[in-house]
Amino acid sequence: MKITTSDVRRWIVLKIDWWLYRVVETAHTYMGRWWATDKYKVKDIVTWKTNVFTYNAGAILEQAEVSTNNAVFLYSAWDTYSFMENDTWEMHDLDKDMVDDIAGYLRENMDCYLTIYEGNVIWVVMPITVTYKVLSTVPGVKWDRATAGKKPAIIETWLEVMIPLHKNEGDTVTVNTETWEAN
């Protein structure tokens, strides 16, 4: 699908020279009377390397036809992570490399989204916030407050995160999946 540079937004997938790139940041620069450029910071879908592309304003680009489907993370076995689409019940087994950055935050029966291009899953998108139970942490001090600092804790996926000082074992923490900070 052909689009102009003014239609490019964050998270869309561009097809440039037969490669797929996810747009991470966009910037529009006006440099004088008739000259404007659009700069895009993108990530390669395959290698996850970051690139920067600059185009004259109004240039024609190709947007990849991707779909984002609701799915459920079922389980992991060795280096394979299994997901099932909610609408079609289609199963997708992904290698650890594809979910390596979010693998520690996945738990069984967690709702998520699969981005699919030409029948292949190209990445997994987690909800913006996820709530976990704290399994173990060091005890807090009586007068600690939420803004006082952070301490290490093990959450129910056996991942160590930094939580507020006033949280204890058995409490729940909310993790922002964009910044990976716990509140």
C-alpha atoms as a PDB file:
ATOM      1  CA  MET A   1       0.000   0.000   0.000  1.00  0.00           C
ATOM      2  CA  LYS A   2       1.468   3.362  -1.037  1.00  0.00           C
ATOM      3  CA  ILE A   3       1.507   6.240   1.464  1.00  0.00           C
ATOM      4  CA  THR A   4       3.158   9.655   1.613  1.00  0.00           C
ATOM      5  CA  THR A   5       5.659  10.683   4.264  1.00  0.00           C
ATOM      6  CA  SER A   6       2.995  12.750   6.054  1.00  0.00           C
ATOM      7  CA  ASP A   7       0.969   9.559   6.668  1.00  0.00           C
ATOM      8  CA  VAL A   8       3.788   7.704   8.439  1.00  0.00           C
ATOM      9  CA  ARG A   9       3.137   7.234  12.148  1.00  0.00           C
ATOM     10  CA  ARG A  10       4.827   5.392  14.989  1.00  0.00           C
ATOM     11  CA  TRP A  11       4.449   1.564  15.024  1.00  0.00           C
ATOM     12  CA  ILE A  12       3.517   1.180  11.359  1.00  0.00           C
ATOM     13  CA  VAL A  13       5.591  -1.186   9.251  1.00  0.00           C
ATOM     14  CA  LEU A  14       7.335   0.131   6.137  1.00  0.00           C
ATOM     15  CA  LYS A  15       8.645  -2.002   3.300  1.00  0.00           C
ATOM     16  CA  ILE A  16      11.907  -0.447   2.081  1.00  0.00           C
ATOM     17  CA  ASP A  17      14.051  -2.300  -0.471  1.00  0.00           C
ATOM     18  CA  TRP A  18      12.237  -5.596   0.273  1.00  0.00           C
ATOM     19  CA  TRP A  19      13.007  -5.308   4.013  1.00  0.00           C
ATOM     20  CA  LEU A  20      10.453  -4.653   6.754  1.00  0.00           C
ATOM     21  CA  TYR A  21      11.038  -1.845   9.251  1.00  0.00           C
ATOM     22  CA  ARG A  22       8.892  -0.818  12.222  1.00  0.00           C
ATOM     23  CA  VAL A  23       8.792   2.967  12.751  1.00  0.00           C
ATOM     24  CA  VAL A  24       9.997   3.899  16.245  1.00  0.00           C
ATOM     25  CA  GLU A  25      10.224   7.712  15.968  1.00  0.00           C
ATOM     26  CA  THR A  26       9.267  10.330  13.402  1.00  0.00           C
ATOM     27  CA  ALA A  27      10.517  13.897  12.929  1.00  0.00           C
ATOM     28  CA  HIS A  28       9.518  16.573  10.433  1.00  0.00           C
ATOM     29  CA  THR A  29      12.056  19.304   9.634  1.00  0.00           C
ATOM     30  CA  TYR A  30      11.335  22.457   7.666  1.00  0.00           C
ATOM     31  CA  MET A  31      14.556  23.917   6.285  1.00  0.00           C
ATOM     32  CA  GLY A  32      13.527  27.003   4.396  1.00  0.00           C
ATOM     33  CA  ARG A  33      11.111  28.187   1.763  1.00  0.00           C
ATOM     34  CA  TRP A  34      10.421  25.044  -0.238  1.00  0.00           C
ATOM     35  CA  TRP A  35      12.413  22.343   1.452  1.00  0.00           C
ATOM     36  CA  ALA A  36      11.153  20.011   4.188  1.00  0.00           C
ATOM     37  CA  THR A  37      12.301  16.528   5.190  1.00  0.00           C
ATOM     38  CA  ASP A  38      10.869  13.673   7.211  1.00  0.00           C
ATOM     39  CA  LYS A  39      13.243  11.566   9.269  1.00  0.00           C
ATOM     40  CA  TYR A  40      12.301   8.120  10.612  1.00  0.00           C
ATOM     41  CA  LYS A  41      14.069   6.041  13.210  1.00  0.00           C
ATOM     42  CA  VAL A  42      13.170   2.435  12.392  1.00  0.00           C
ATOM     43  CA  LYS A  43      13.959  -1.082  13.580  1.00  0.00           C
ATOM     44  CA  ASP A  44      14.628  -3.925  11.196  1.00  0.00           C
ATOM     45  CA  ILE A  45      12.034  -6.647  11.834  1.00  0.00           C
ATOM     46  CA  VAL A  46      14.538  -9.476  11.332  1.00  0.00           C
ATOM     47  CA  THR A  47      17.718  -8.237  13.035  1.00  0.00           C
ATOM     48  CA  TRP A  48      16.168  -5.582  15.330  1.00  0.00           C
ATOM     49  CA  LYS A  49      18.956  -3.173  14.371  1.00  0.00           C
ATOM     50  CA  THR A  50      18.085   0.509  14.382  1.00  0.00           C
ATOM     51  CA  ASN A  51      18.363   2.606  11.213  1.00  0.00           C
ATOM     52  CA  VAL A  52      17.508   6.183  10.326  1.00  0.00           C
ATOM     53  CA  PHE A  53      15.942   7.075   6.971  1.00  0.00           C
ATOM     54  CA  THR A  54      15.435  10.613   5.670  1.00  0.00           C
ATOM     55  CA  TYR A  55      13.038  11.495   2.836  1.00  0.00           C
ATOM     56  CA  ASN A  56      11.880  14.692   1.181  1.00  0.00           C
ATOM     57  CA  ALA A  57       8.440  15.685   2.445  1.00  0.00           C
ATOM     58  CA  GLY A  58       5.714  14.217   0.264  1.00  0.00           C
ATOM     59  CA  ALA A  59       7.772  11.248  -0.954  1.00  0.00           C
ATOM     60  CA  ILE A  60       5.880   8.033  -1.651  1.00  0.00           C
ATOM     61  CA  LEU A  61       6.649   5.039   0.602  1.00  0.00           C
ATOM     62  CA  GLU A  62       5.274   1.521   0.813  1.00  0.00           C
ATOM     63  CA  GLN A  63       3.467   0.415   3.951  1.00  0.00           C
ATOM     64  CA  ALA A  64       3.501  -3.328   4.616  1.00  0.00           C
ATOM     65  CA  GLU A  65       0.100  -4.965   5.028  1.00  0.00           C
ATOM     66  CA  VAL A  66       0.252  -6.315   8.580  1.00  0.00           C
ATOM     67  CA  SER A  67      -2.528  -7.400  10.897  1.00  0.00           C
ATOM     68  CA  THR A  68      -2.581  -7.314  14.671  1.00  0.00           C
ATOM     69  CA  ASN A  69      -4.554 -10.191  16.178  1.00  0.00           C
ATOM     70  CA  ASN A  70      -5.604 -10.889  19.759  1.00  0.00           C
ATOM     71  CA  ALA A  71      -3.820 -13.921  21.144  1.00  0.00           C
ATOM     72  CA  VAL A  72      -3.050 -15.806  24.333  1.00  0.00           C
ATOM     73  CA  PHE A  73       0.383 -16.969  25.463  1.00  0.00           C
ATOM     74  CA  LEU A  74      -0.072 -20.640  26.332  1.00  0.00           C
ATOM     75  CA  TYR A  75       3.265 -22.042  27.480  1.00  0.00           C
ATOM     76  CA  SER A  76       6.978 -22.287  26.802  1.00  0.00           C
ATOM     77  CA  ALA A  77       8.914 -25.486  26.256  1.00  0.00           C
ATOM     78  CA  TRP A  78      12.698 -25.256  25.962  1.00  0.00           C
ATOM     79  CA  ASP A  79      13.305 -22.557  23.337  1.00  0.00           C
ATOM     80  CA  THR A  80       9.766 -22.470  21.898  1.00  0.00           C
ATOM     81  CA  TYR A  81       6.946 -20.161  22.990  1.00  0.00           C
ATOM     82  CA  SER A  82       3.385 -21.121  22.002  1.00  0.00           C
ATOM     83  CA  PHE A  83       0.636 -18.609  21.281  1.00  0.00           C
ATOM     84  CA  MET A  84      -2.963 -19.114  20.150  1.00  0.00           C
ATOM     85  CA  GLU A  85      -5.048 -16.563  18.254  1.00  0.00           C
ATOM     86  CA  ASN A  86      -8.349 -15.877  20.014  1.00  0.00           C
ATOM     87  CA  ASP A  87     -10.493 -15.588  16.884  1.00  0.00           C
ATOM     88  CA  THR A  88      -9.189 -18.442  14.734  1.00  0.00           C
ATOM     89  CA  TRP A  89      -7.581 -20.706  17.372  1.00  0.00           C
ATOM     90  CA  GLU A  90      -4.553 -20.881  15.130  1.00  0.00           C
ATOM     91  CA  MET A  91      -1.389 -21.901  16.981  1.00  0.00           C
ATOM     92  CA  HIS A  92       1.960 -20.141  16.533  1.00  0.00           C
ATOM     93  CA  ASP A  93       5.193 -21.571  17.922  1.00  0.00           C
ATOM     94  CA  LEU A  94       7.879 -18.884  18.100  1.00  0.00           C
ATOM     95  CA  ASP A  95      11.602 -19.274  18.707  1.00  0.00           C
ATOM     96  CA  LYS A  96      13.122 -17.727  21.813  1.00  0.00           C
ATOM     97  CA  ASP A  97      14.919 -15.138  19.654  1.00  0.00           C
ATOM     98  CA  MET A  98      11.581 -13.589  18.630  1.00  0.00           C
ATOM     99  CA  VAL A  99      10.370 -13.059  22.205  1.00  0.00           C
ATOM    100  CA  ASP A 100      13.704 -12.727  23.993  1.00  0.00           C
ATOM    101  CA  ASP A 101      13.110  -9.147  25.189  1.00  0.00           C
ATOM    102  CA  ILE A 102       9.690  -9.979  26.728  1.00  0.00           C
ATOM    103  CA  ALA A 103      10.179 -13.657  27.645  1.00  0.00           C
ATOM    104  CA  GLY A 104      10.705 -12.942  31.337  1.00  0.00           C
ATOM    105  CA  TYR A 105       7.404 -11.067  31.549  1.00  0.00           C
ATOM    106  CA  LEU A 106       5.221 -13.704  29.863  1.00  0.00           C
ATOM    107  CA  ARG A 107       3.019 -15.881  32.044  1.00  0.00           C
ATOM    108  CA  GLU A 108       0.642 -18.659  31.037  1.00  0.00           C
ATOM    109  CA  ASN A 109      -2.794 -17.583  29.727  1.00  0.00           C
ATOM    110  CA  MET A 110      -1.669 -13.958  29.318  1.00  0.00           C
ATOM    111  CA  ASP A 111      -3.501 -11.898  26.705  1.00  0.00           C
ATOM    112  CA  CYS A 112      -1.260 -10.268  24.107  1.00  0.00           C
ATOM    113  CA  TYR A 113      -1.218  -9.314  20.423  1.00  0.00           C
ATOM    114  CA  LEU A 114       0.517 -10.931  17.462  1.00  0.00           C
ATOM    115  CA  THR A 115       1.572  -8.807  14.498  1.00  0.00           C
ATOM    116  CA  ILE A 116       1.362 -10.933  11.353  1.00  0.00           C
ATOM    117  CA  TYR A 117       2.787 -10.292   7.886  1.00  0.00           C
ATOM    118  CA  GLU A 118       2.026 -12.705   5.028  1.00  0.00           C
ATOM    119  CA  GLY A 119       1.004 -15.443   7.476  1.00  0.00           C
ATOM    120  CA  ASN A 120       4.136 -15.148   9.635  1.00  0.00           C
ATOM    121  CA  VAL A 121       4.326 -13.637  13.110  1.00  0.00           C
ATOM    122  CA  ILE A 122       6.860 -10.798  13.061  1.00  0.00           C
ATOM    123  CA  TRP A 123       6.566  -9.692  16.706  1.00  0.00           C
ATOM    124  CA  VAL A 124       4.557 -10.030  19.906  1.00  0.00           C
ATOM    125  CA  VAL A 125       3.012  -6.970  21.547  1.00  0.00           C
ATOM    126  CA  MET A 126       2.211  -7.096  25.259  1.00  0.00           C
ATOM    127  CA  PRO A 127      -0.505  -5.025  26.951  1.00  0.00           C
ATOM    128  CA  ILE A 128       0.700  -1.632  28.176  1.00  0.00           C
ATOM    129  CA  THR A 129       0.455  -2.612  31.841  1.00  0.00           C
ATOM    130  CA  VAL A 130       0.596  -6.051  33.450  1.00  0.00           C
ATOM    131  CA  THR A 131      -0.001  -6.896  37.109  1.00  0.00           C
ATOM    132  CA  TYR A 132       2.207  -9.463  38.858  1.00  0.00           C
ATOM    133  CA  LYS A 133       2.324 -10.912  42.363  1.00  0.00           C
ATOM    134  CA  VAL A 134       5.526 -10.381  44.386  1.00  0.00           C
ATOM    135  CA  LEU A 135       6.954 -13.767  45.431  1.00  0.00           C
ATOM    136  CA  SER A 136       9.899 -12.582  47.500  1.00  0.00           C
ATOM    137  CA  THR A 137      11.581  -9.356  48.477  1.00  0.00           C
ATOM    138  CA  VAL A 138      13.514  -7.856  51.360  1.00  0.00           C
ATOM    139  CA  PRO A 139      11.314  -6.337  54.076  1.00  0.00           C
ATOM    140  CA  GLY A 140      10.610  -2.635  53.891  1.00  0.00           C
ATOM    141  CA  VAL A 141      11.086  -0.070  56.624  1.00  0.00           C
ATOM    142  CA  LYS A 142       7.982   1.071  58.504  1.00  0.00           C
ATOM    143  CA  TRP A 143       7.916   4.670  57.200  1.00  0.00           C
ATOM    144  CA  ASP A 144       8.831   3.955  53.575  1.00  0.00           C
ATOM    145  CA  ARG A 145       6.609   5.594  50.975  1.00  0.00           C
ATOM    146  CA  ALA A 146       6.041   5.002  47.272  1.00  0.00           C
ATOM    147  CA  THR A 147       8.444   7.748  46.186  1.00  0.00           C
ATOM    148  CA  ALA A 148      11.212   6.850  48.649  1.00  0.00           C
ATOM    149  CA  GLY A 149      13.114   4.474  46.346  1.00  0.00           C
ATOM    150  CA  LYS A 150      13.221   0.963  44.917  1.00  0.00           C
ATOM    151  CA  LYS A 151      14.267  -2.491  46.086  1.00  0.00           C
ATOM    152  CA  PRO A 152      14.758  -5.804  44.235  1.00  0.00           C
ATOM    153  CA  ALA A 153      11.939  -8.361  44.158  1.00  0.00           C
ATOM    154  CA  ILE A 154      11.104 -11.642  42.442  1.00  0.00           C
ATOM    155  CA  ILE A 155       7.736 -11.608  40.646  1.00  0.00           C
ATOM    156  CA  GLU A 156       5.611 -14.619  39.745  1.00  0.00           C
ATOM    157  CA  THR A 157       7.427 -15.194  36.420  1.00  0.00           C
ATOM    158  CA  TRP A 158      10.688 -15.631  38.416  1.00  0.00           C
ATOM    159  CA  LEU A 159      12.061 -12.383  37.042  1.00  0.00           C
ATOM    160  CA  GLU A 160      13.815  -9.868  39.275  1.00  0.00           C
ATOM    161  CA  VAL A 161      12.446  -6.322  39.043  1.00  0.00           C
ATOM    162  CA  MET A 162      12.827  -3.174  41.096  1.00  0.00           C
ATOM    163  CA  ILE A 163       9.699  -2.341  43.099  1.00  0.00           C
ATOM    164  CA  PRO A 164       8.767   0.515  45.470  1.00  0.00           C
ATOM    165  CA  LEU A 165      10.099   0.159  49.023  1.00  0.00           C
ATOM    166  CA  HIS A 166       6.638  -0.041  50.605  1.00  0.00           C
ATOM    167  CA  LYS A 167       5.659  -3.230  48.683  1.00  0.00           C
ATOM    168  CA  ASN A 168       6.025  -6.602  50.445  1.00  0.00           C
ATOM    169  CA  GLU A 169       5.712 -10.308  49.635  1.00  0.00           C
ATOM    170  CA  GLY A 170       2.210 -11.187  48.445  1.00  0.00           C
ATOM    171  CA  ASP A 171       1.487  -7.647  47.177  1.00  0.00           C
ATOM    172  CA  THR A 172       0.845  -6.957  43.509  1.00  0.00           C
ATOM    173  CA  VAL A 173       2.886  -4.640  41.330  1.00  0.00           C
ATOM    174  CA  THR A 174       1.975  -3.149  37.977  1.00  0.00           C
ATOM    175  CA  VAL A 175       4.698  -3.225  35.318  1.00  0.00           C
ATOM    176  CA  ASN A 176       4.614  -0.760  32.420  1.00  0.00           C
ATOM    177  CA  THR A 177       5.707  -2.799  29.369  1.00  0.00           C
ATOM    178  CA  GLU A 178       6.980   0.248  27.485  1.00  0.00           C
ATOM    179  CA  THR A 179       9.435   1.346  30.188  1.00  0.00           C
ATOM    180  CA  TRP A 180       9.647  -1.911  32.215  1.00  0.00           C
ATOM    181  CA  GLU A 181       9.189   0.033  35.462  1.00  0.00           C
ATOM    182  CA  ALA A 182       7.162  -1.414  38.334  1.00  0.00           C
ATOM    183  CA  ASN A 183       4.751   0.626  40.478  1.00  0.00           C
END
